[in-house]
N, C-alpha and C. Protein backbone atom coordinates (compact mmCIF):
# COMPACT_ATOMS: atom_id res chain seq x y z
N MET A 1 14.10 38.24 -3.86
CA MET A 1 13.15 37.24 -3.39
C MET A 1 11.89 37.49 -3.19
N ALA A 2 10.95 37.23 -3.37
CA ALA A 2 9.57 37.71 -3.39
C ALA A 2 9.19 37.47 -1.83
N CYS A 3 8.26 38.30 -1.08
CA CYS A 3 7.74 38.03 0.06
C CYS A 3 7.20 36.61 0.37
N ASN A 4 6.68 36.08 -0.41
CA ASN A 4 6.02 34.74 -0.48
C ASN A 4 6.89 33.54 -0.73
N ASP A 5 8.37 34.28 -1.17
CA ASP A 5 9.11 33.04 -1.19
C ASP A 5 10.27 32.71 -0.26
N GLU A 6 10.20 33.96 0.82
CA GLU A 6 10.79 33.72 2.24
C GLU A 6 11.30 32.44 2.53
N ARG A 7 12.34 32.09 3.08
CA ARG A 7 12.70 30.99 3.77
C ARG A 7 13.57 31.14 4.83
N ASP A 8 13.10 30.23 5.99
CA ASP A 8 13.85 30.29 7.29
C ASP A 8 15.04 29.56 7.05
N ALA A 9 16.14 29.50 8.21
CA ALA A 9 17.53 29.00 7.93
C ALA A 9 17.83 27.37 7.48
N SER A 10 16.42 26.35 7.82
CA SER A 10 16.33 25.33 7.07
C SER A 10 16.17 25.21 5.78
N GLY A 11 15.74 26.05 5.22
CA GLY A 11 15.24 26.02 4.02
C GLY A 11 13.62 26.06 3.72
N PHE A 12 12.82 26.25 4.83
CA PHE A 12 11.53 25.57 4.69
C PHE A 12 10.66 27.16 4.75
N PRO A 13 9.57 26.98 3.70
CA PRO A 13 8.74 28.43 3.20
C PRO A 13 8.49 29.14 4.78
N VAL A 14 8.38 30.40 4.77
CA VAL A 14 7.86 31.48 5.61
C VAL A 14 6.59 31.99 5.13
N LYS A 15 5.76 31.92 5.83
CA LYS A 15 4.56 32.72 5.33
C LYS A 15 4.19 33.36 6.19
N SER A 16 3.56 34.65 5.95
CA SER A 16 2.52 35.56 6.97
C SER A 16 1.71 34.90 7.21
N SER A 17 1.29 35.10 8.90
CA SER A 17 0.14 34.51 9.33
C SER A 17 -1.11 34.68 8.77
N ALA A 18 -1.08 35.93 8.13
CA ALA A 18 -2.44 36.14 6.82
C ALA A 18 -2.65 34.71 6.11
N GLN A 19 -1.51 34.83 5.60
CA GLN A 19 -1.17 33.72 4.34
C GLN A 19 -1.74 32.30 5.20
N ASP A 20 -0.95 31.79 6.14
CA ASP A 20 -1.18 30.71 7.00
C ASP A 20 -2.48 30.61 7.34
N ASN A 21 -3.37 31.45 7.62
CA ASN A 21 -4.67 31.33 8.11
C ASN A 21 -5.63 31.21 7.07
N GLN A 22 -5.14 31.73 6.00
CA GLN A 22 -6.25 31.52 4.40
C GLN A 22 -5.73 30.28 3.50
N GLU A 23 -4.28 29.67 3.44
CA GLU A 23 -4.27 28.89 2.75
C GLU A 23 -3.78 27.56 3.59
N GLN A 24 -3.43 27.41 4.77
CA GLN A 24 -3.20 26.05 5.30
C GLN A 24 -3.39 25.92 6.48
N PRO A 25 -4.00 24.95 6.93
CA PRO A 25 -4.34 24.82 8.22
C PRO A 25 -2.91 25.13 9.58
N SER A 26 -3.15 25.68 10.38
CA SER A 26 -2.13 25.58 11.28
C SER A 26 -1.67 24.57 11.84
N PHE A 27 -0.19 24.38 12.11
CA PHE A 27 0.28 23.11 12.68
C PHE A 27 -0.39 22.89 14.31
N GLU A 28 -1.09 24.01 14.86
CA GLU A 28 -1.54 23.76 15.94
C GLU A 28 -3.17 23.34 15.70
N SER A 29 -3.69 23.35 14.69
CA SER A 29 -5.09 23.13 14.79
C SER A 29 -5.48 21.66 14.60
N ASP A 30 -6.26 21.65 15.33
CA ASP A 30 -7.38 19.98 15.19
C ASP A 30 -7.16 19.43 13.71
N GLU A 31 -7.44 20.38 12.78
CA GLU A 31 -7.43 19.69 11.43
C GLU A 31 -6.33 19.02 11.09
N PHE A 32 -5.08 19.91 11.19
CA PHE A 32 -3.89 19.53 10.62
C PHE A 32 -3.64 18.49 11.40
N ARG A 33 -3.31 18.24 12.74
CA ARG A 33 -3.16 17.40 13.74
C ARG A 33 -3.90 15.78 13.23
N LEU A 34 -5.14 16.16 13.07
CA LEU A 34 -5.71 14.58 12.84
C LEU A 34 -5.65 14.26 11.32
N PHE A 35 -5.55 15.24 10.30
CA PHE A 35 -5.31 14.48 9.05
C PHE A 35 -4.13 15.04 8.01
N VAL A 36 -2.99 15.95 9.14
CA VAL A 36 -1.85 16.42 7.94
C VAL A 36 -0.75 15.38 9.27
N ALA A 37 -0.79 15.87 10.49
CA ALA A 37 0.54 15.43 10.89
C ALA A 37 0.92 14.10 10.96
N LYS A 38 2.31 13.83 10.57
CA LYS A 38 2.81 12.50 10.30
C LYS A 38 2.33 11.25 9.34
N ILE A 39 1.33 12.07 8.31
CA ILE A 39 0.65 11.70 7.32
C ILE A 39 1.37 12.34 6.23
N ALA A 40 1.37 13.62 5.95
CA ALA A 40 1.89 14.15 4.60
C ALA A 40 3.43 14.28 4.73
N THR A 41 3.95 14.26 3.34
CA THR A 41 5.32 14.29 3.34
C THR A 41 5.75 15.52 3.86
N CYS A 42 6.92 15.44 4.51
CA CYS A 42 7.72 16.63 5.04
C CYS A 42 8.04 17.29 3.29
N PRO A 43 7.76 18.81 3.04
CA PRO A 43 8.21 19.62 2.30
C PRO A 43 9.61 20.08 2.68
N ARG A 44 10.27 19.87 3.57
CA ARG A 44 11.63 20.47 3.79
C ARG A 44 12.64 19.91 2.58
N THR A 45 13.83 20.49 2.11
CA THR A 45 14.74 20.04 1.98
C THR A 45 15.99 19.83 2.58
N ALA A 46 15.83 20.73 3.28
CA ALA A 46 17.07 20.94 4.10
C ALA A 46 17.22 19.71 5.43
N ILE A 47 18.16 19.74 6.06
CA ILE A 47 18.43 18.96 7.06
C ILE A 47 17.68 19.28 8.26
N HIS A 48 16.95 18.40 8.99
CA HIS A 48 16.08 19.34 10.21
C HIS A 48 16.16 18.07 11.09
N VAL A 49 15.19 18.38 12.31
CA VAL A 49 15.00 17.15 13.57
C VAL A 49 13.74 16.39 12.86
N TRP A 50 13.68 15.57 12.55
CA TRP A 50 12.32 14.66 12.41
C TRP A 50 11.28 14.23 13.57
N SER A 51 11.83 14.63 14.75
CA SER A 51 10.85 14.15 15.83
C SER A 51 10.28 15.60 16.32
N GLU A 52 11.09 16.79 15.75
CA GLU A 52 10.30 18.13 16.20
C GLU A 52 9.46 18.57 14.70
N CYS A 53 9.32 17.79 13.77
CA CYS A 53 8.84 18.51 12.28
C CYS A 53 7.35 17.34 12.41
N PRO A 54 6.26 18.33 12.21
CA PRO A 54 4.87 17.55 12.08
C PRO A 54 4.37 16.82 10.80
N TYR A 55 5.59 16.98 9.86
CA TYR A 55 5.14 15.97 8.56
C TYR A 55 6.18 14.53 8.77
N VAL A 56 6.11 13.72 7.95
CA VAL A 56 6.57 12.31 8.18
C VAL A 56 7.41 12.07 6.90
N HIS A 57 8.62 11.84 7.31
CA HIS A 57 10.04 11.50 6.61
C HIS A 57 10.29 10.06 5.95
N PRO A 58 10.95 9.72 5.06
CA PRO A 58 11.17 8.47 4.65
C PRO A 58 11.67 7.52 5.58
N GLY A 59 11.25 6.52 5.97
CA GLY A 59 11.49 5.41 6.90
C GLY A 59 11.34 5.85 8.17
N GLU A 60 10.53 6.64 8.60
CA GLU A 60 10.08 7.31 10.31
C GLU A 60 9.33 6.35 10.42
N LYS A 61 9.43 5.96 11.70
CA LYS A 61 8.49 5.19 12.18
C LYS A 61 7.26 5.42 12.48
N ALA A 62 7.23 6.74 12.81
CA ALA A 62 5.77 7.98 13.10
C ALA A 62 5.27 7.97 12.13
N ARG A 63 5.12 7.43 11.21
CA ARG A 63 4.26 7.58 9.80
C ARG A 63 2.74 7.06 10.24
N ARG A 64 1.67 7.94 9.85
CA ARG A 64 0.35 7.31 9.82
C ARG A 64 -0.45 7.36 8.73
N ARG A 65 -1.66 6.59 8.90
CA ARG A 65 -2.03 6.44 7.61
C ARG A 65 -3.41 7.63 8.03
N ASP A 66 -4.00 7.84 6.70
CA ASP A 66 -5.09 8.99 7.23
C ASP A 66 -6.19 8.02 7.31
N PRO A 67 -6.83 8.40 8.57
CA PRO A 67 -8.24 7.75 9.09
C PRO A 67 -9.35 7.91 7.99
N ARG A 68 -9.33 9.21 7.12
CA ARG A 68 -10.19 9.19 6.39
C ARG A 68 -10.19 8.35 4.83
N LEU A 69 -9.11 7.34 4.78
CA LEU A 69 -8.88 6.56 3.71
C LEU A 69 -8.49 5.43 4.32
N TYR A 70 -8.14 5.18 5.49
CA TYR A 70 -8.06 3.46 5.52
C TYR A 70 -8.89 3.57 6.98
N SER A 71 -9.45 2.32 7.09
CA SER A 71 -10.54 1.87 8.37
C SER A 71 -9.70 1.42 9.53
N TYR A 72 -9.24 1.92 10.52
CA TYR A 72 -8.57 1.43 11.71
C TYR A 72 -9.05 2.14 12.43
N CYS A 73 -9.17 1.52 13.77
CA CYS A 73 -9.52 1.82 14.91
C CYS A 73 -8.33 2.77 15.79
N SER A 74 -8.45 3.17 16.88
CA SER A 74 -7.42 3.59 17.99
C SER A 74 -6.59 2.58 18.72
N GLN A 75 -7.37 1.51 18.98
CA GLN A 75 -6.95 0.28 19.46
C GLN A 75 -5.33 -0.36 19.23
N PRO A 76 -4.55 -0.01 19.93
CA PRO A 76 -2.96 -0.65 19.24
C PRO A 76 -3.21 -2.00 19.02
N CYS A 77 -2.70 -2.62 17.78
CA CYS A 77 -2.52 -3.68 16.99
C CYS A 77 -1.85 -4.70 17.80
N PRO A 78 -2.70 -5.64 17.97
CA PRO A 78 -2.10 -6.89 19.02
C PRO A 78 -0.74 -7.63 18.14
N ASP A 79 -0.75 -7.64 16.62
CA ASP A 79 0.43 -8.18 16.18
C ASP A 79 1.58 -7.26 15.86
N ASN A 80 1.55 -6.16 16.18
CA ASN A 80 2.75 -5.03 16.00
C ASN A 80 3.44 -4.81 17.02
N SER A 81 3.98 -5.79 17.72
CA SER A 81 4.73 -5.90 18.87
C SER A 81 6.15 -6.27 18.54
N PRO A 82 7.28 -6.00 19.64
CA PRO A 82 8.44 -6.23 19.51
C PRO A 82 8.54 -7.75 19.27
N ALA A 83 8.36 -8.35 19.46
CA ALA A 83 7.90 -10.37 19.40
C ALA A 83 7.95 -10.56 18.07
N ASN A 84 7.35 -9.64 17.06
CA ASN A 84 7.17 -9.90 15.70
C ASN A 84 7.89 -8.99 14.81
N GLY A 85 8.95 -8.30 15.61
CA GLY A 85 9.87 -7.20 14.97
C GLY A 85 9.17 -5.90 14.53
N GLY A 86 7.82 -5.82 15.43
CA GLY A 86 7.50 -4.43 15.28
C GLY A 86 6.39 -4.42 13.96
N VAL A 87 6.38 -5.53 13.34
CA VAL A 87 5.70 -5.01 11.71
C VAL A 87 4.67 -5.76 12.25
N CYS A 88 3.73 -5.27 11.59
CA CYS A 88 2.19 -6.29 11.45
C CYS A 88 1.97 -6.59 10.11
N PRO A 89 1.77 -8.00 9.94
CA PRO A 89 1.57 -8.78 8.62
C PRO A 89 0.38 -8.28 7.63
N ARG A 90 -0.55 -7.42 8.38
CA ARG A 90 -1.23 -7.07 7.37
C ARG A 90 -1.23 -5.35 6.69
N GLY A 91 -0.14 -4.82 7.34
CA GLY A 91 0.48 -3.35 7.24
C GLY A 91 -0.91 -2.41 6.95
N ASP A 92 -0.79 -1.85 6.05
CA ASP A 92 -1.79 -0.47 5.92
C ASP A 92 -3.37 -1.13 5.87
N ALA A 93 -3.25 -2.17 5.46
CA ALA A 93 -4.94 -2.99 6.19
C ALA A 93 -5.17 -3.31 6.95
N CYS A 94 -4.33 -3.03 8.01
CA CYS A 94 -4.71 -3.71 9.42
C CYS A 94 -5.73 -3.07 9.88
N GLN A 95 -6.62 -3.23 10.84
CA GLN A 95 -7.82 -2.34 11.33
C GLN A 95 -7.67 -1.88 12.95
N TYR A 96 -6.27 -2.11 12.98
CA TYR A 96 -5.75 -1.40 14.41
C TYR A 96 -4.66 -0.34 14.05
N SER A 97 -4.36 0.56 14.95
CA SER A 97 -3.42 1.50 15.16
C SER A 97 -2.17 0.88 15.35
N HIS A 98 -1.10 1.28 14.46
CA HIS A 98 0.27 0.67 14.43
C HIS A 98 1.54 1.38 15.28
N ASN A 99 0.95 2.73 15.85
CA ASN A 99 2.02 3.23 16.92
C ASN A 99 1.32 4.43 17.63
N LEU A 100 1.96 4.74 18.39
CA LEU A 100 1.96 5.96 19.40
C LEU A 100 0.53 6.96 18.66
N PHE A 101 1.25 7.65 17.58
CA PHE A 101 0.83 8.63 16.71
C PHE A 101 -0.82 8.46 16.20
N GLU A 102 -0.86 7.32 15.21
CA GLU A 102 -2.00 6.69 14.98
C GLU A 102 -2.95 6.35 16.47
N THR A 103 -2.59 5.94 17.43
CA THR A 103 -3.70 5.80 18.22
C THR A 103 -3.86 7.04 18.72
N HIS A 104 -3.16 8.01 19.18
CA HIS A 104 -3.55 9.22 19.82
C HIS A 104 -4.05 10.61 19.01
N LEU A 105 -3.40 10.15 17.83
CA LEU A 105 -4.12 11.58 16.75
C LEU A 105 -5.19 10.87 15.85
N HIS A 106 -5.87 9.73 16.30
CA HIS A 106 -6.92 9.39 15.64
C HIS A 106 -8.34 9.79 16.01
N PRO A 107 -9.17 10.45 15.25
CA PRO A 107 -10.39 11.09 15.41
C PRO A 107 -11.38 10.44 17.07
N GLU A 108 -10.81 9.10 17.30
CA GLU A 108 -11.65 8.53 18.03
C GLU A 108 -11.23 9.05 19.00
N MET A 109 -9.80 9.47 19.27
CA MET A 109 -9.01 9.40 20.41
C MET A 109 -8.57 11.17 20.80
N TYR A 110 -8.03 11.40 20.02
CA TYR A 110 -7.72 13.26 19.91
C TYR A 110 -8.28 13.88 20.73
N ARG A 111 -7.57 14.68 21.82
CA ARG A 111 -8.34 15.63 22.50
C ARG A 111 -10.04 15.51 23.03
N THR A 112 -10.03 13.82 23.52
CA THR A 112 -11.40 13.77 23.80
C THR A 112 -11.40 13.67 25.13
N ALA A 113 -10.30 13.97 26.27
CA ALA A 113 -9.58 13.83 27.31
C ALA A 113 -8.99 14.72 27.90
N MET A 114 -9.00 15.51 29.17
CA MET A 114 -8.17 16.61 29.40
C MET A 114 -6.75 16.21 29.63
N CYS A 115 -5.84 17.01 29.89
CA CYS A 115 -4.63 16.78 29.87
C CYS A 115 -4.06 16.92 31.37
N THR A 116 -3.61 16.09 31.80
CA THR A 116 -3.36 15.99 33.53
C THR A 116 -2.46 17.16 33.82
N ALA A 117 -1.64 17.75 32.89
CA ALA A 117 -0.55 19.15 33.16
C ALA A 117 -1.51 19.73 33.17
N GLY A 118 -2.34 19.96 32.23
CA GLY A 118 -3.60 21.56 31.93
C GLY A 118 -2.69 22.71 31.42
N SER A 119 -2.57 23.66 32.04
CA SER A 119 -1.82 24.93 31.41
C SER A 119 -0.70 24.74 31.43
N ARG A 120 0.16 23.73 32.08
CA ARG A 120 1.33 23.79 32.48
C ARG A 120 2.03 22.92 31.50
N CYS A 121 1.26 22.34 30.80
CA CYS A 121 1.79 21.44 29.81
C CYS A 121 2.75 22.06 28.82
N ARG A 122 3.79 21.56 28.39
CA ARG A 122 5.05 21.99 27.67
C ARG A 122 5.40 21.11 26.52
N ARG A 123 4.60 20.12 26.11
CA ARG A 123 4.77 18.97 25.26
C ARG A 123 4.62 19.71 23.74
N ARG A 124 5.64 19.40 23.01
CA ARG A 124 5.59 20.19 21.85
C ARG A 124 4.08 19.91 20.75
N MET A 125 3.54 18.55 21.09
CA MET A 125 2.52 18.10 20.45
C MET A 125 1.66 17.08 21.70
N CYS A 126 1.02 17.64 22.22
CA CYS A 126 0.05 17.23 23.32
C CYS A 126 -1.09 16.56 22.68
N PHE A 127 -1.60 15.57 23.04
CA PHE A 127 -2.69 14.81 22.30
C PHE A 127 -4.04 15.17 22.75
N PHE A 128 -4.09 15.53 24.31
CA PHE A 128 -4.93 16.20 25.06
C PHE A 128 -5.78 17.26 24.86
N ALA A 129 -6.54 17.70 25.42
CA ALA A 129 -7.20 18.86 25.81
C ALA A 129 -6.27 19.49 26.76
N HIS A 130 -6.39 21.25 26.96
CA HIS A 130 -5.92 21.88 27.80
C HIS A 130 -6.86 22.92 28.26
N SER A 131 -8.30 22.73 27.96
CA SER A 131 -9.23 23.42 28.09
C SER A 131 -10.28 23.07 27.70
N PRO A 132 -11.42 23.15 28.43
CA PRO A 132 -12.81 22.84 28.20
C PRO A 132 -13.19 22.84 26.56
N GLN A 133 -12.99 24.28 25.99
CA GLN A 133 -13.20 24.51 24.46
C GLN A 133 -12.02 23.69 23.81
N GLN A 134 -11.09 23.02 24.23
CA GLN A 134 -10.65 22.34 23.20
C GLN A 134 -10.81 20.89 23.04
N LEU A 135 -11.48 20.46 24.31
CA LEU A 135 -12.33 19.17 24.15
C LEU A 135 -13.15 18.63 23.00
N ARG A 136 -13.00 17.63 22.41
CA ARG A 136 -13.89 16.88 21.03
C ARG A 136 -14.37 16.03 21.47
N GLN A 137 -15.59 15.88 20.93
CA GLN A 137 -16.13 14.49 20.95
C GLN A 137 -15.46 13.68 20.14
N PRO A 138 -15.54 11.98 20.20
CA PRO A 138 -14.64 11.28 19.51
C PRO A 138 -15.43 11.09 18.24
N THR A 139 -14.67 10.94 17.03
CA THR A 139 -15.48 10.66 15.84
C THR A 139 -14.97 9.53 14.99
N THR A 140 -15.76 8.80 14.78
CA THR A 140 -15.46 7.58 14.15
C THR A 140 -15.28 7.54 12.88
N VAL A 141 -14.61 6.42 12.26
CA VAL A 141 -14.12 6.45 10.94
C VAL A 141 -15.79 6.49 10.06
N ALA A 142 -16.46 5.97 10.45
CA ALA A 142 -18.06 6.05 9.89
C ALA A 142 -18.43 7.44 9.66
N MET A 143 -18.31 8.33 10.51
CA MET A 143 -18.63 9.69 10.52
C MET A 143 -17.85 10.37 9.91
N LEU A 144 -16.63 10.08 9.88
CA LEU A 144 -15.32 10.71 8.66
C LEU A 144 -16.00 10.53 7.29
N ARG A 145 -16.13 9.40 7.21
CA ARG A 145 -16.61 9.03 5.83
C ARG A 145 -17.69 10.05 5.12
N GLN A 146 -18.91 9.46 6.23
CA GLN A 146 -20.12 10.61 5.82
C GLN A 146 -19.62 11.70 5.68
N GLU A 147 -18.86 12.45 6.19
CA GLU A 147 -18.76 14.03 5.91
C GLU A 147 -18.00 14.06 4.74
N GLN A 148 -17.21 13.46 4.30
CA GLN A 148 -16.18 13.12 3.14
C GLN A 148 -17.16 12.94 1.89
N GLN A 149 -17.82 12.17 2.11
CA GLN A 149 -18.32 11.61 0.69
C GLN A 149 -19.66 12.48 0.18
N GLN A 150 -19.96 12.74 -1.11
CA GLN A 150 -20.97 13.69 -1.41
C GLN A 150 -21.96 12.36 -2.16
N GLY A 151 -21.51 11.27 -2.12
CA GLY A 151 -22.68 10.42 -2.62
C GLY A 151 -23.82 10.24 -2.40
N THR A 152 -24.59 9.16 -2.73
CA THR A 152 -25.88 8.66 -2.00
C THR A 152 -26.13 8.27 -0.72
N ALA A 153 -27.19 8.14 -0.06
CA ALA A 153 -27.17 7.88 1.16
C ALA A 153 -27.24 6.57 1.23
N ALA A 154 -27.11 5.52 0.23
CA ALA A 154 -26.88 4.19 0.39
C ALA A 154 -25.37 3.88 0.14
N ASP A 155 -24.59 4.70 -0.28
CA ASP A 155 -23.27 4.30 -0.69
C ASP A 155 -23.06 4.85 1.09
N ALA A 156 -23.34 6.03 1.74
CA ALA A 156 -23.04 6.02 3.09
C ALA A 156 -23.30 4.75 4.15
N ALA A 157 -24.56 4.31 3.86
CA ALA A 157 -25.10 3.36 4.92
C ALA A 157 -23.95 2.18 4.51
N ALA A 158 -23.73 1.71 3.69
CA ALA A 158 -22.84 0.54 3.19
C ALA A 158 -21.53 1.19 3.55
N ALA A 159 -20.86 2.00 3.89
CA ALA A 159 -19.66 2.34 4.05
C ALA A 159 -19.90 2.35 5.93
N GLY A 160 -20.73 3.30 6.10
CA GLY A 160 -21.39 3.00 7.88
C GLY A 160 -21.40 1.62 8.31
N ALA A 161 -21.88 0.88 7.80
CA ALA A 161 -21.98 -0.62 7.98
C ALA A 161 -20.35 -1.45 8.12
N LYS A 162 -19.86 -1.30 7.31
CA LYS A 162 -18.47 -1.56 7.16
C LYS A 162 -17.72 -1.17 8.14
N ASP A 163 -17.82 -0.04 8.64
CA ASP A 163 -17.07 0.64 9.61
C ASP A 163 -17.59 -0.06 10.87
N GLU A 164 -18.84 -0.05 10.94
CA GLU A 164 -19.17 -0.71 12.29
C GLU A 164 -18.81 -2.24 12.69
N ALA A 165 -18.55 -3.00 11.61
CA ALA A 165 -18.06 -4.17 11.47
C ALA A 165 -16.78 -4.07 12.12
N SER A 166 -15.88 -3.30 11.24
CA SER A 166 -14.53 -3.43 11.75
C SER A 166 -14.26 -2.60 13.27
N ALA A 167 -15.02 -1.82 13.79
CA ALA A 167 -15.05 -1.25 14.97
C ALA A 167 -15.51 -2.32 16.15
N ALA A 168 -16.35 -2.97 15.48
CA ALA A 168 -16.92 -3.91 16.67
C ALA A 168 -15.82 -5.18 16.79
N SER A 169 -15.02 -5.46 15.42
CA SER A 169 -13.85 -6.11 15.82
C SER A 169 -12.75 -5.59 16.57
N CYS A 170 -13.01 -4.54 16.72
CA CYS A 170 -12.03 -3.67 17.66
C CYS A 170 -12.24 -3.37 19.13
N GLY A 171 -13.58 -4.37 19.31
CA GLY A 171 -14.04 -4.40 20.69
C GLY A 171 -14.68 -3.30 20.83
N LYS A 172 -15.28 -2.44 19.92
CA LYS A 172 -16.09 -1.02 20.28
C LYS A 172 -17.06 -1.13 19.28
N THR A 173 -18.14 -0.41 19.82
CA THR A 173 -19.45 -0.31 18.83
C THR A 173 -19.18 1.54 18.52
N ALA A 174 -19.70 1.43 16.96
CA ALA A 174 -19.79 2.45 16.35
C ALA A 174 -20.80 3.61 16.69
C-alpha cells in the first residue's frame, strides 16, 4: 500500500500533516468548520460514531446547508419546532437556521464571542473563540457571496440587496 493510500482502523484515509496542510483544510480550521463541517458527505465507508465525525451522514439531523449557496441567517427557524414535528415546511429555501449547527457554525455567529470555559474547554467542536486571536468578525451572507462571485459590480449589488432583505426579515441588518 502506498503512503498516500494508508488507512486508519475505521478505513478512513490517513495523510501526512504536510499533505493535510496543502490539500485540504484542517478539521480545526475556521474554513473547514464554516464551509465543510456537517455539509460535506462523509467519505468513510466503515461504521463510526456520527456525533464525533465532522461530516454529514444520510438521515443525520445535524445536516447543514452551505451558507455560500443558501441565503439563511443564524436566527433559529420559528417553524422548525417540536410542535411541527421538527420539520420546517420551507425546507432548504427557509431564511432561518434549522439546527444548532446551522445556528452556531453560521458565519454570522461562529467564533464571534469568547468561550466561557476559555483554555479549559474540552468540547470536540466548540463554536466559540478560546483566545483573542480566534475571534472573528461576523460575516453576512452578502459578504460571502461578494467574495465568491467574480461577476460584475451590478451582480454583487443585486445579491447584496436580496441578502439585506433576507437579513432584515430575520430581524437583523446587513
